[in-house]
Full PDB file with SEQRES, HELIX, SHEET, SSBOND, CRYST1, ORIGX, SCALE, CONECT and MASTER records, all heavy atoms in Angstrom:
SEQRES   1 A   43  TYR ARG GLN THR PRO GLY LYS GLN ARG GLU LEU VAL ALA          
SEQRES   2 A   43  ILE ILE THR ASN GLY GLY SER THR ASP TYR GLY ASP SER          
SEQRES   3 A   43  VAL LYS GLY ARG PHE THR ILE SER ARG ASP ASN ALA LYS          
SEQRES   4 A   43  ASN THR VAL HIS                                              
HELIX    1 AA1 ASN A   37  LYS A   39  5                                   3    
SHEET    1 AA1 2 ALA A  13  ILE A  15  0                                        
SHEET    2 AA1 2 THR A  21  TYR A  23 -1                                        
SHEET    1 AA2 2 ARG A  35  ASP A  36  0                                        
SHEET    2 AA2 2 THR A  41  VAL A  42 -1                                        
CRYST1    1.000    1.000    1.000  90.00  90.00  90.00 P 1           1          
ORIGX1      1.000000  0.000000  0.000000        0.00000                         
ORIGX2      0.000000  1.000000  0.000000        0.00000                         
ORIGX3      0.000000  0.000000  1.000000        0.00000                         
SCALE1      1.000000  0.000000  0.000000        0.00000                         
SCALE2      0.000000  1.000000  0.000000        0.00000                         
SCALE3      0.000000  0.000000  1.000000        0.00000                         
ATOM      1  N   TYR A   1     116.503 122.080 144.910  1.00  0.00           N  
ATOM      2  CA  TYR A   1     115.274 122.316 144.180  1.00  0.00           C  
ATOM      3  C   TYR A   1     115.090 121.180 143.183  1.00  0.00           C  
ATOM      4  O   TYR A   1     116.050 120.504 142.822  1.00  0.00           O  
ATOM      5  CB  TYR A   1     115.313 123.662 143.453  1.00  0.00           C  
ATOM      6  CG  TYR A   1     115.360 124.858 144.369  1.00  0.00           C  
ATOM      7  CD1 TYR A   1     116.529 125.204 145.036  1.00  0.00           C  
ATOM      8  CD2 TYR A   1     114.230 125.652 144.573  1.00  0.00           C  
ATOM      9  CE1 TYR A   1     116.576 126.295 145.887  1.00  0.00           C  
ATOM     10  CE2 TYR A   1     114.265 126.746 145.417  1.00  0.00           C  
ATOM     11  CZ  TYR A   1     115.445 127.066 146.071  1.00  0.00           C  
ATOM     12  OH  TYR A   1     115.479 128.159 146.909  1.00  0.00           O  
ATOM     13  N   ARG A   2     113.865 120.990 142.742  1.00  0.00           N  
ATOM     14  CA  ARG A   2     113.624 119.962 141.740  1.00  0.00           C  
ATOM     15  C   ARG A   2     112.742 120.520 140.639  1.00  0.00           C  
ATOM     16  O   ARG A   2     111.928 121.409 140.857  1.00  0.00           O  
ATOM     17  CB  ARG A   2     112.992 118.712 142.357  1.00  0.00           C  
ATOM     18  CG  ARG A   2     111.626 118.916 142.994  1.00  0.00           C  
ATOM     19  CD  ARG A   2     111.232 117.679 143.787  1.00  0.00           C  
ATOM     20  NE  ARG A   2     109.890 117.765 144.333  1.00  0.00           N  
ATOM     21  CZ  ARG A   2     109.365 116.881 145.174  1.00  0.00           C  
ATOM     22  NH1 ARG A   2     110.083 115.821 145.564  1.00  0.00           N  
ATOM     23  NH2 ARG A   2     108.129 117.043 145.619  1.00  0.00           N  
ATOM     24  N   GLN A   3     112.914 119.966 139.443  1.00  0.00           N  
ATOM     25  CA  GLN A   3     112.188 120.479 138.297  1.00  0.00           C  
ATOM     26  C   GLN A   3     112.046 119.412 137.230  1.00  0.00           C  
ATOM     27  O   GLN A   3     113.029 118.799 136.819  1.00  0.00           O  
ATOM     28  CB  GLN A   3     112.897 121.701 137.709  1.00  0.00           C  
ATOM     29  CG  GLN A   3     112.141 122.372 136.584  1.00  0.00           C  
ATOM     30  CD  GLN A   3     112.811 123.647 136.138  1.00  0.00           C  
ATOM     31  OE1 GLN A   3     114.022 123.804 136.258  1.00  0.00           O  
ATOM     32  NE2 GLN A   3     112.022 124.573 135.629  1.00  0.00           N  
ATOM     33  N   THR A   4     110.823 119.201 136.817  1.00  0.00           N  
ATOM     34  CA  THR A   4     110.518 118.365 135.666  1.00  0.00           C  
ATOM     35  C   THR A   4     110.422 119.264 134.445  1.00  0.00           C  
ATOM     36  O   THR A   4     109.851 120.357 134.524  1.00  0.00           O  
ATOM     37  CB  THR A   4     109.197 117.609 135.875  1.00  0.00           C  
ATOM     38  OG1 THR A   4     109.318 116.751 137.009  1.00  0.00           O  
ATOM     39  CG2 THR A   4     108.832 116.784 134.649  1.00  0.00           C  
ATOM     40  N   PRO A   5     110.961 118.840 133.303  1.00  0.00           N  
ATOM     41  CA  PRO A   5     110.860 119.680 132.104  1.00  0.00           C  
ATOM     42  C   PRO A   5     109.431 120.125 131.834  1.00  0.00           C  
ATOM     43  O   PRO A   5     108.497 119.320 131.867  1.00  0.00           O  
ATOM     44  CB  PRO A   5     111.386 118.765 130.998  1.00  0.00           C  
ATOM     45  CG  PRO A   5     112.359 117.878 131.699  1.00  0.00           C  
ATOM     46  CD  PRO A   5     111.745 117.626 133.058  1.00  0.00           C  
ATOM     47  N   GLY A   6     109.263 121.417 131.582  1.00  0.00           N  
ATOM     48  CA  GLY A   6     107.953 121.974 131.326  1.00  0.00           C  
ATOM     49  C   GLY A   6     107.190 122.404 132.560  1.00  0.00           C  
ATOM     50  O   GLY A   6     106.088 122.944 132.444  1.00  0.00           O  
ATOM     51  N   LYS A   7     107.755 122.171 133.736  1.00  0.00           N  
ATOM     52  CA  LYS A   7     107.104 122.554 134.973  1.00  0.00           C  
ATOM     53  C   LYS A   7     107.957 123.559 135.740  1.00  0.00           C  
ATOM     54  O   LYS A   7     109.126 123.787 135.426  1.00  0.00           O  
ATOM     55  CB  LYS A   7     106.839 121.325 135.846  1.00  0.00           C  
ATOM     56  CG  LYS A   7     105.896 120.310 135.222  1.00  0.00           C  
ATOM     57  CD  LYS A   7     105.620 119.159 136.173  1.00  0.00           C  
ATOM     58  CE  LYS A   7     104.656 118.163 135.556  1.00  0.00           C  
ATOM     59  NZ  LYS A   7     104.387 117.031 136.488  1.00  0.00           N  
ATOM     60  N   GLN A   8     107.362 124.153 136.760  1.00  0.00           N  
ATOM     61  CA  GLN A   8     108.053 125.144 137.571  1.00  0.00           C  
ATOM     62  C   GLN A   8     109.068 124.482 138.491  1.00  0.00           C  
ATOM     63  O   GLN A   8     108.853 123.364 138.972  1.00  0.00           O  
ATOM     64  CB  GLN A   8     107.052 125.948 138.396  1.00  0.00           C  
ATOM     65  CG  GLN A   8     106.086 126.780 137.575  1.00  0.00           C  
ATOM     66  CD  GLN A   8     106.786 127.894 136.839  1.00  0.00           C  
ATOM     67  OE1 GLN A   8     107.637 128.588 137.406  1.00  0.00           O  
ATOM     68  NE2 GLN A   8     106.441 128.068 135.569  1.00  0.00           N  
ATOM     69  N   ARG A   9     110.151 125.185 138.733  1.00  0.00           N  
ATOM     70  CA  ARG A   9     111.118 124.719 139.701  1.00  0.00           C  
ATOM     71  C   ARG A   9     110.513 124.813 141.103  1.00  0.00           C  
ATOM     72  O   ARG A   9     109.895 125.813 141.466  1.00  0.00           O  
ATOM     73  CB  ARG A   9     112.402 125.541 139.607  1.00  0.00           C  
ATOM     74  CG  ARG A   9     113.537 125.045 140.480  1.00  0.00           C  
ATOM     75  CD  ARG A   9     114.825 125.770 140.152  1.00  0.00           C  
ATOM     76  NE  ARG A   9     115.249 125.509 138.779  1.00  0.00           N  
ATOM     77  CZ  ARG A   9     116.292 126.087 138.196  1.00  0.00           C  
ATOM     78  NH1 ARG A   9     117.025 126.961 138.869  1.00  0.00           N  
ATOM     79  NH2 ARG A   9     116.600 125.792 136.944  1.00  0.00           N  
ATOM     80  N   GLU A  10     110.729 123.792 141.903  1.00  0.00           N  
ATOM     81  CA  GLU A  10     110.091 123.659 143.197  1.00  0.00           C  
ATOM     82  C   GLU A  10     111.124 123.560 144.308  1.00  0.00           C  
ATOM     83  O   GLU A  10     112.096 122.815 144.204  1.00  0.00           O  
ATOM     84  CB  GLU A  10     109.197 122.410 143.208  1.00  0.00           C  
ATOM     85  CG  GLU A  10     108.529 122.113 144.533  1.00  0.00           C  
ATOM     86  CD  GLU A  10     107.796 120.791 144.531  1.00  0.00           C  
ATOM     87  OE1 GLU A  10     108.015 119.990 143.585  1.00  0.00           O  
ATOM     88  OE2 GLU A  10     106.995 120.549 145.454  1.00  0.00           O  
ATOM     89  N   LEU A  11     110.890 124.302 145.370  1.00  0.00           N  
ATOM     90  CA  LEU A  11     111.749 124.205 146.548  1.00  0.00           C  
ATOM     91  C   LEU A  11     111.604 122.830 147.185  1.00  0.00           C  
ATOM     92  O   LEU A  11     110.498 122.356 147.432  1.00  0.00           O  
ATOM     93  CB  LEU A  11     111.384 125.279 147.568  1.00  0.00           C  
ATOM     94  CG  LEU A  11     111.995 125.122 148.964  1.00  0.00           C  
ATOM     95  CD1 LEU A  11     113.494 125.369 148.922  1.00  0.00           C  
ATOM     96  CD2 LEU A  11     111.323 126.057 149.964  1.00  0.00           C  
ATOM     97  N   VAL A  12     112.728 122.198 147.470  1.00  0.00           N  
ATOM     98  CA  VAL A  12     112.752 120.966 148.239  1.00  0.00           C  
ATOM     99  C   VAL A  12     113.175 121.266 149.674  1.00  0.00           C  
ATOM    100  O   VAL A  12     112.445 120.980 150.624  1.00  0.00           O  
ATOM    101  CB  VAL A  12     113.684 119.921 147.611  1.00  0.00           C  
ATOM    102  CG1 VAL A  12     113.724 118.660 148.473  1.00  0.00           C  
ATOM    103  CG2 VAL A  12     113.237 119.590 146.195  1.00  0.00           C  
ATOM    104  N   ALA A  13     114.346 121.846 149.834  1.00  0.00           N  
ATOM    105  CA  ALA A  13     114.853 122.171 151.160  1.00  0.00           C  
ATOM    106  C   ALA A  13     115.986 123.169 151.039  1.00  0.00           C  
ATOM    107  O   ALA A  13     116.739 123.152 150.066  1.00  0.00           O  
ATOM    108  CB  ALA A  13     115.340 120.914 151.888  1.00  0.00           C  
ATOM    109  N   ILE A  14     116.110 124.041 152.024  1.00  0.00           N  
ATOM    110  CA  ILE A  14     117.225 124.964 152.107  1.00  0.00           C  
ATOM    111  C   ILE A  14     117.762 124.983 153.529  1.00  0.00           C  
ATOM    112  O   ILE A  14     117.043 124.673 154.482  1.00  0.00           O  
ATOM    113  CB  ILE A  14     116.851 126.401 151.673  1.00  0.00           C  
ATOM    114  CG1 ILE A  14     115.673 126.928 152.503  1.00  0.00           C  
ATOM    115  CG2 ILE A  14     116.543 126.443 150.192  1.00  0.00           C  
ATOM    116  CD1 ILE A  14     115.364 128.390 152.233  1.00  0.00           C  
ATOM    117  N   ILE A  15     119.015 125.361 153.655  1.00  0.00           N  
ATOM    118  CA  ILE A  15     119.643 125.475 154.965  1.00  0.00           C  
ATOM    119  C   ILE A  15     120.584 126.664 154.949  1.00  0.00           C  
ATOM    120  O   ILE A  15     121.392 126.830 154.039  1.00  0.00           O  
ATOM    121  CB  ILE A  15     120.369 124.166 155.346  1.00  0.00           C  
ATOM    122  CG1 ILE A  15     120.966 124.271 156.756  1.00  0.00           C  
ATOM    123  CG2 ILE A  15     121.426 123.789 154.315  1.00  0.00           C  
ATOM    124  CD1 ILE A  15     121.418 122.921 157.308  1.00  0.00           C  
ATOM    125  N   THR A  16     120.471 127.513 155.951  1.00  0.00           N  
ATOM    126  CA  THR A  16     121.308 128.697 156.045  1.00  0.00           C  
ATOM    127  C   THR A  16     122.662 128.346 156.635  1.00  0.00           C  
ATOM    128  O   THR A  16     122.893 127.234 157.116  1.00  0.00           O  
ATOM    129  CB  THR A  16     120.649 129.779 156.901  1.00  0.00           C  
ATOM    130  OG1 THR A  16     120.615 129.353 158.276  1.00  0.00           O  
ATOM    131  CG2 THR A  16     119.233 130.072 156.428  1.00  0.00           C  
ATOM    132  N   ASN A  17     123.556 129.323 156.610  1.00  0.00           N  
ATOM    133  CA  ASN A  17     124.872 129.116 157.186  1.00  0.00           C  
ATOM    134  C   ASN A  17     124.791 128.778 158.671  1.00  0.00           C  
ATOM    135  O   ASN A  17     125.627 128.040 159.192  1.00  0.00           O  
ATOM    136  CB  ASN A  17     125.736 130.358 156.982  1.00  0.00           C  
ATOM    137  CG  ASN A  17     127.207 130.085 157.226  1.00  0.00           C  
ATOM    138  OD1 ASN A  17     127.867 129.441 156.412  1.00  0.00           O  
ATOM    139  ND2 ASN A  17     127.720 130.572 158.351  1.00  0.00           N  
ATOM    140  N   GLY A  18     123.780 129.326 159.348  1.00  0.00           N  
ATOM    141  CA  GLY A  18     123.599 129.073 160.762  1.00  0.00           C  
ATOM    142  C   GLY A  18     122.836 127.810 161.086  1.00  0.00           C  
ATOM    143  O   GLY A  18     122.643 127.500 162.267  1.00  0.00           O  
ATOM    144  N   GLY A  19     122.370 127.096 160.069  1.00  0.00           N  
ATOM    145  CA  GLY A  19     121.702 125.834 160.293  1.00  0.00           C  
ATOM    146  C   GLY A  19     120.191 125.877 160.295  1.00  0.00           C  
ATOM    147  O   GLY A  19     119.547 124.845 160.523  1.00  0.00           O  
ATOM    148  N   SER A  20     119.612 127.038 160.050  1.00  0.00           N  
ATOM    149  CA  SER A  20     118.162 127.132 159.952  1.00  0.00           C  
ATOM    150  C   SER A  20     117.685 126.477 158.662  1.00  0.00           C  
ATOM    151  O   SER A  20     118.290 126.670 157.605  1.00  0.00           O  
ATOM    152  CB  SER A  20     117.719 128.591 160.003  1.00  0.00           C  
ATOM    153  OG  SER A  20     116.321 128.704 159.894  1.00  0.00           O  
ATOM    154  N   THR A  21     116.602 125.708 158.736  1.00  0.00           N  
ATOM    155  CA  THR A  21     116.124 124.949 157.585  1.00  0.00           C  
ATOM    156  C   THR A  21     114.697 125.319 157.216  1.00  0.00           C  
ATOM    157  O   THR A  21     113.920 125.808 158.031  1.00  0.00           O  
ATOM    158  CB  THR A  21     116.194 123.443 157.856  1.00  0.00           C  
ATOM    159  OG1 THR A  21     115.380 123.120 158.992  1.00  0.00           O  
ATOM    160  CG2 THR A  21     117.627 123.013 158.138  1.00  0.00           C  
ATOM    161  N   ASP A  22     114.376 125.049 155.968  1.00  0.00           N  
ATOM    162  CA  ASP A  22     113.018 125.198 155.475  1.00  0.00           C  
ATOM    163  C   ASP A  22     112.796 124.120 154.430  1.00  0.00           C  
ATOM    164  O   ASP A  22     113.715 123.777 153.680  1.00  0.00           O  
ATOM    165  CB  ASP A  22     112.801 126.589 154.884  1.00  0.00           C  
ATOM    166  CG  ASP A  22     111.331 126.905 154.651  1.00  0.00           C  
ATOM    167  OD1 ASP A  22     110.472 126.253 155.271  1.00  0.00           O  
ATOM    168  OD2 ASP A  22     111.041 127.825 153.858  1.00  0.00           O  
ATOM    169  N   TYR A  23     111.570 123.593 154.391  1.00  0.00           N  
ATOM    170  CA  TYR A  23     111.249 122.502 153.487  1.00  0.00           C  
ATOM    171  C   TYR A  23     109.994 122.801 152.703  1.00  0.00           C  
ATOM    172  O   TYR A  23     109.084 123.485 153.174  1.00  0.00           O  
ATOM    173  CB  TYR A  23     111.038 121.203 154.263  1.00  0.00           C  
ATOM    174  CG  TYR A  23     112.262 120.696 154.982  1.00  0.00           C  
ATOM    175  CD1 TYR A  23     112.535 121.085 156.283  1.00  0.00           C  
ATOM    176  CD2 TYR A  23     113.145 119.822 154.353  1.00  0.00           C  
ATOM    177  CE1 TYR A  23     113.661 120.618 156.942  1.00  0.00           C  
ATOM    178  CE2 TYR A  23     114.266 119.355 155.004  1.00  0.00           C  
ATOM    179  CZ  TYR A  23     114.524 119.752 156.299  1.00  0.00           C  
ATOM    180  OH  TYR A  23     115.641 119.288 156.949  1.00  0.00           O  
ATOM    181  N   GLY A  24     109.953 122.267 151.506  1.00  0.00           N  
ATOM    182  CA  GLY A  24     108.718 122.303 150.766  1.00  0.00           C  
ATOM    183  C   GLY A  24     107.659 121.463 151.454  1.00  0.00           C  
ATOM    184  O   GLY A  24     107.961 120.456 152.096  1.00  0.00           O  
ATOM    185  N   ASP A  25     106.406 121.885 151.324  1.00  0.00           N  
ATOM    186  CA  ASP A  25     105.330 121.200 152.029  1.00  0.00           C  
ATOM    187  C   ASP A  25     105.253 119.714 151.683  1.00  0.00           C  
ATOM    188  O   ASP A  25     104.921 118.888 152.540  1.00  0.00           O  
ATOM    189  CB  ASP A  25     103.990 121.866 151.720  1.00  0.00           C  
ATOM    190  CG  ASP A  25     103.848 123.233 152.360  1.00  0.00           C  
ATOM    191  OD1 ASP A  25     104.579 123.511 153.331  1.00  0.00           O  
ATOM    192  OD2 ASP A  25     103.009 124.018 151.901  1.00  0.00           O  
ATOM    193  N   SER A  26     105.541 119.374 150.458  1.00  0.00           N  
ATOM    194  CA  SER A  26     105.381 117.998 150.013  1.00  0.00           C  
ATOM    195  C   SER A  26     106.440 117.049 150.557  1.00  0.00           C  
ATOM    196  O   SER A  26     106.271 115.829 150.468  1.00  0.00           O  
ATOM    197  CB  SER A  26     105.385 117.931 148.480  1.00  0.00           C  
ATOM    198  OG  SER A  26     106.626 118.351 147.956  1.00  0.00           O  
ATOM    199  N   VAL A  27     107.517 117.588 151.135  1.00  0.00           N  
ATOM    200  CA  VAL A  27     108.595 116.726 151.619  1.00  0.00           C  
ATOM    201  C   VAL A  27     108.792 116.810 153.124  1.00  0.00           C  
ATOM    202  O   VAL A  27     109.621 116.073 153.671  1.00  0.00           O  
ATOM    203  CB  VAL A  27     109.931 117.032 150.907  1.00  0.00           C  
ATOM    204  CG1 VAL A  27     109.758 116.994 149.399  1.00  0.00           C  
ATOM    205  CG2 VAL A  27     110.497 118.376 151.355  1.00  0.00           C  
ATOM    206  N   LYS A  28     108.060 117.666 153.793  1.00  0.00           N  
ATOM    207  CA  LYS A  28     108.206 117.811 155.236  1.00  0.00           C  
ATOM    208  C   LYS A  28     107.949 116.486 155.944  1.00  0.00           C  
ATOM    209  O   LYS A  28     106.986 115.781 155.656  1.00  0.00           O  
ATOM    210  CB  LYS A  28     107.251 118.880 155.764  1.00  0.00           C  
ATOM    211  CG  LYS A  28     107.641 120.290 155.377  1.00  0.00           C  
ATOM    212  CD  LYS A  28     106.651 121.309 155.931  1.00  0.00           C  
ATOM    213  CE  LYS A  28     107.056 122.726 155.559  1.00  0.00           C  
ATOM    214  NZ  LYS A  28     106.086 123.730 156.027  1.00  0.00           N  
ATOM    215  N   GLY A  29     108.836 116.171 156.863  1.00  0.00           N  
ATOM    216  CA  GLY A  29     108.721 114.928 157.602  1.00  0.00           C  
ATOM    217  C   GLY A  29     109.374 113.745 156.934  1.00  0.00           C  
ATOM    218  O   GLY A  29     109.505 112.684 157.557  1.00  0.00           O  
ATOM    219  N   ARG A  30     109.787 113.907 155.685  1.00  0.00           N  
ATOM    220  CA  ARG A  30     110.398 112.802 154.947  1.00  0.00           C  
ATOM    221  C   ARG A  30     111.844 113.085 154.551  1.00  0.00           C  
ATOM    222  O   ARG A  30     112.649 112.158 154.470  1.00  0.00           O  
ATOM    223  CB  ARG A  30     109.593 112.486 153.684  1.00  0.00           C  
ATOM    224  CG  ARG A  30     108.156 112.065 153.964  1.00  0.00           C  
ATOM    225  CD  ARG A  30     107.450 111.598 152.696  1.00  0.00           C  
ATOM    226  NE  ARG A  30     107.349 112.658 151.698  1.00  0.00           N  
ATOM    227  CZ  ARG A  30     107.883 112.598 150.485  1.00  0.00           C  
ATOM    228  NH1 ARG A  30     108.555 111.517 150.099  1.00  0.00           N  
ATOM    229  NH2 ARG A  30     107.728 113.608 149.639  1.00  0.00           N  
ATOM    230  N   PHE A  31     112.164 114.348 154.296  1.00  0.00           N  
ATOM    231  CA  PHE A  31     113.508 114.731 153.859  1.00  0.00           C  
ATOM    232  C   PHE A  31     114.205 115.514 154.956  1.00  0.00           C  
ATOM    233  O   PHE A  31     113.567 116.259 155.716  1.00  0.00           O  
ATOM    234  CB  PHE A  31     113.452 115.601 152.605  1.00  0.00           C  
ATOM    235  CG  PHE A  31     112.976 114.904 151.359  1.00  0.00           C  
ATOM    236  CD1 PHE A  31     112.468 113.615 151.389  1.00  0.00           C  
ATOM    237  CD2 PHE A  31     113.040 115.565 150.139  1.00  0.00           C  
ATOM    238  CE1 PHE A  31     112.026 112.987 150.244  1.00  0.00           C  
ATOM    239  CE2 PHE A  31     112.606 114.949 148.978  1.00  0.00           C  
ATOM    240  CZ  PHE A  31     112.094 113.657 149.023  1.00  0.00           C  
ATOM    241  N   THR A  32     115.522 115.395 155.019  1.00  0.00           N  
ATOM    242  CA  THR A  32     116.329 116.143 155.964  1.00  0.00           C  
ATOM    243  C   THR A  32     117.545 116.715 155.252  1.00  0.00           C  
ATOM    244  O   THR A  32     118.276 115.982 154.588  1.00  0.00           O  
ATOM    245  CB  THR A  32     116.792 115.262 157.132  1.00  0.00           C  
ATOM    246  OG1 THR A  32     115.661 114.714 157.815  1.00  0.00           O  
ATOM    247  CG2 THR A  32     117.610 116.088 158.128  1.00  0.00           C  
ATOM    248  N   ILE A  33     117.749 118.015 155.401  1.00  0.00           N  
ATOM    249  CA  ILE A  33     118.890 118.670 154.792  1.00  0.00           C  
ATOM    250  C   ILE A  33     119.933 118.977 155.861  1.00  0.00           C  
ATOM    251  O   ILE A  33     119.590 119.289 157.008  1.00  0.00           O  
ATOM    252  CB  ILE A  33     118.470 119.957 154.047  1.00  0.00           C  
ATOM    253  CG1 ILE A  33     119.630 120.510 153.213  1.00  0.00           C  
ATOM    254  CG2 ILE A  33     117.932 121.005 155.012  1.00  0.00           C  
ATOM    255  CD1 ILE A  33     119.216 121.627 152.265  1.00  0.00           C  
ATOM    256  N   SER A  34     121.196 118.876 155.496  1.00  0.00           N  
ATOM    257  CA  SER A  34     122.287 119.185 156.402  1.00  0.00           C  
ATOM    258  C   SER A  34     123.456 119.735 155.600  1.00  0.00           C  
ATOM    259  O   SER A  34     123.498 119.608 154.374  1.00  0.00           O  
ATOM    260  CB  SER A  34     122.717 117.945 157.204  1.00  0.00           C  
ATOM    261  OG  SER A  34     123.173 116.917 156.338  1.00  0.00           O  
ATOM    262  N   ARG A  35     124.410 120.344 156.289  1.00  0.00           N  
ATOM    263  CA  ARG A  35     125.565 120.902 155.594  1.00  0.00           C  
ATOM    264  C   ARG A  35     126.816 120.758 156.443  1.00  0.00           C  
ATOM    265  O   ARG A  35     126.757 120.702 157.671  1.00  0.00           O  
ATOM    266  CB  ARG A  35     125.341 122.370 155.221  1.00  0.00           C  
ATOM    267  CG  ARG A  35     125.243 123.319 156.407  1.00  0.00           C  
ATOM    268  CD  ARG A  35     124.797 124.710 155.964  1.00  0.00           C  
ATOM    269  NE  ARG A  35     125.833 125.414 155.214  1.00  0.00           N  
ATOM    270  CZ  ARG A  35     125.631 126.549 154.544  1.00  0.00           C  
ATOM    271  NH1 ARG A  35     124.412 127.081 154.494  1.00  0.00           N  
ATOM    272  NH2 ARG A  35     126.632 127.136 153.904  1.00  0.00           N  
ATOM    273  N   ASP A  36     127.934 120.725 155.755  1.00  0.00           N  
ATOM    274  CA  ASP A  36     129.245 120.688 156.373  1.00  0.00           C  
ATOM    275  C   ASP A  36     130.003 121.880 155.814  1.00  0.00           C  
ATOM    276  O   ASP A  36     130.505 121.834 154.689  1.00  0.00           O  
ATOM    277  CB  ASP A  36     129.962 119.378 156.065  1.00  0.00           C  
ATOM    278  CG  ASP A  36     131.301 119.258 156.760  1.00  0.00           C  
ATOM    279  OD1 ASP A  36     131.866 120.279 157.183  1.00  0.00           O  
ATOM    280  OD2 ASP A  36     131.793 118.119 156.882  1.00  0.00           O  
ATOM    281  N   ASN A  37     130.074 122.948 156.590  1.00  0.00           N  
ATOM    282  CA  ASN A  37     130.693 124.168 156.100  1.00  0.00           C  
ATOM    283  C   ASN A  37     132.188 124.007 155.831  1.00  0.00           C  
ATOM    284  O   ASN A  37     132.729 124.645 154.929  1.00  0.00           O  
ATOM    285  CB  ASN A  37     130.462 125.311 157.091  1.00  0.00           C  
ATOM    286  CG  ASN A  37     129.034 125.798 157.096  1.00  0.00           C  
ATOM    287  OD1 ASN A  37     128.330 125.712 156.086  1.00  0.00           O  
ATOM    288  ND2 ASN A  37     128.592 126.331 158.229  1.00  0.00           N  
ATOM    289  N   ALA A  38     132.846 123.171 156.608  1.00  0.00           N  
ATOM    290  CA  ALA A  38     134.271 122.957 156.407  1.00  0.00           C  
ATOM    291  C   ALA A  38     134.554 122.341 155.043  1.00  0.00           C  
ATOM    292  O   ALA A  38     135.615 122.575 154.462  1.00  0.00           O  
ATOM    293  CB  ALA A  38     134.843 122.081 157.515  1.00  0.00           C  
ATOM    294  N   LYS A  39     133.609 121.558 154.547  1.00  0.00           N  
ATOM    295  CA  LYS A  39     133.772 120.902 153.258  1.00  0.00           C  
ATOM    296  C   LYS A  39     132.935 121.539 152.158  1.00  0.00           C  
ATOM    297  O   LYS A  39     132.932 121.051 151.025  1.00  0.00           O  
ATOM    298  CB  LYS A  39     133.417 119.424 153.373  1.00  0.00           C  
ATOM    299  CG  LYS A  39     134.306 118.645 154.328  1.00  0.00           C  
ATOM    300  CD  LYS A  39     133.896 117.186 154.391  1.00  0.00           C  
ATOM    301  CE  LYS A  39     134.796 116.403 155.325  1.00  0.00           C  
ATOM    302  NZ  LYS A  39     134.397 114.972 155.409  1.00  0.00           N  
ATOM    303  N   ASN A  40     132.220 122.613 152.491  1.00  0.00           N  
ATOM    304  CA  ASN A  40     131.332 123.272 151.532  1.00  0.00           C  
ATOM    305  C   ASN A  40     130.411 122.264 150.850  1.00  0.00           C  
ATOM    306  O   ASN A  40     130.264 122.253 149.627  1.00  0.00           O  
ATOM    307  CB  ASN A  40     132.136 124.053 150.495  1.00  0.00           C  
ATOM    308  CG  ASN A  40     132.856 125.247 151.081  1.00  0.00           C  
ATOM    309  OD1 ASN A  40     132.350 125.904 151.992  1.00  0.00           O  
ATOM    310  ND2 ASN A  40     134.031 125.549 150.559  1.00  0.00           N  
ATOM    311  N   THR A  41     129.789 121.444 151.668  1.00  0.00           N  
ATOM    312  CA  THR A  41     128.970 120.358 151.167  1.00  0.00           C  
ATOM    313  C   THR A  41     127.591 120.384 151.817  1.00  0.00           C  
ATOM    314  O   THR A  41     127.461 120.660 153.010  1.00  0.00           O  
ATOM    315  CB  THR A  41     129.644 119.003 151.433  1.00  0.00           C  
ATOM    316  OG1 THR A  41     130.920 118.971 150.784  1.00  0.00           O  
ATOM    317  CG2 THR A  41     128.797 117.857 150.906  1.00  0.00           C  
ATOM    318  N   VAL A  42     126.577 120.088 151.030  1.00  0.00           N  
ATOM    319  CA  VAL A  42     125.216 119.973 151.532  1.00  0.00           C  
ATOM    320  C   VAL A  42     124.697 118.589 151.173  1.00  0.00           C  
ATOM    321  O   VAL A  42     125.019 118.042 150.111  1.00  0.00           O  
ATOM    322  CB  VAL A  42     124.302 121.081 150.963  1.00  0.00           C  
ATOM    323  CG1 VAL A  42     124.185 120.978 149.445  1.00  0.00           C  
ATOM    324  CG2 VAL A  42     122.932 121.044 151.617  1.00  0.00           C  
ATOM    325  N   HIS A  43     123.906 118.024 152.076  1.00  0.00           N  
ATOM    326  CA  HIS A  43     123.330 116.697 151.876  1.00  0.00           C  
ATOM    327  C   HIS A  43     121.817 116.764 152.000  1.00  0.00           C  
ATOM    328  O   HIS A  43     121.269 117.588 152.726  1.00  0.00           O  
ATOM    329  CB  HIS A  43     123.868 115.707 152.907  1.00  0.00           C  
ATOM    330  CG  HIS A  43     125.361 115.618 152.952  1.00  0.00           C  
ATOM    331  ND1 HIS A  43     126.096 114.917 152.023  1.00  0.00           N  
ATOM    332  CD2 HIS A  43     126.262 116.153 153.821  1.00  0.00           C  
ATOM    333  CE1 HIS A  43     127.383 115.020 152.313  1.00  0.00           C  
ATOM    334  NE2 HIS A  43     127.511 115.757 153.394  1.00  0.00           N  
TER     335      HIS A  43                                                      
MASTER        0    0    0    1    4    0    0    6  334    1    0    4          
END                                                                             
């Protein structure tokens, strides 16, 4: 998520344990989210 002081927090991207993703409208087509469950890491 991203947030500028004084503004609402905004969804950027999320990814479920099964790999399903969702993106904020403003970043679709430009950002890609991924995760490595073995390392408990998200990129």
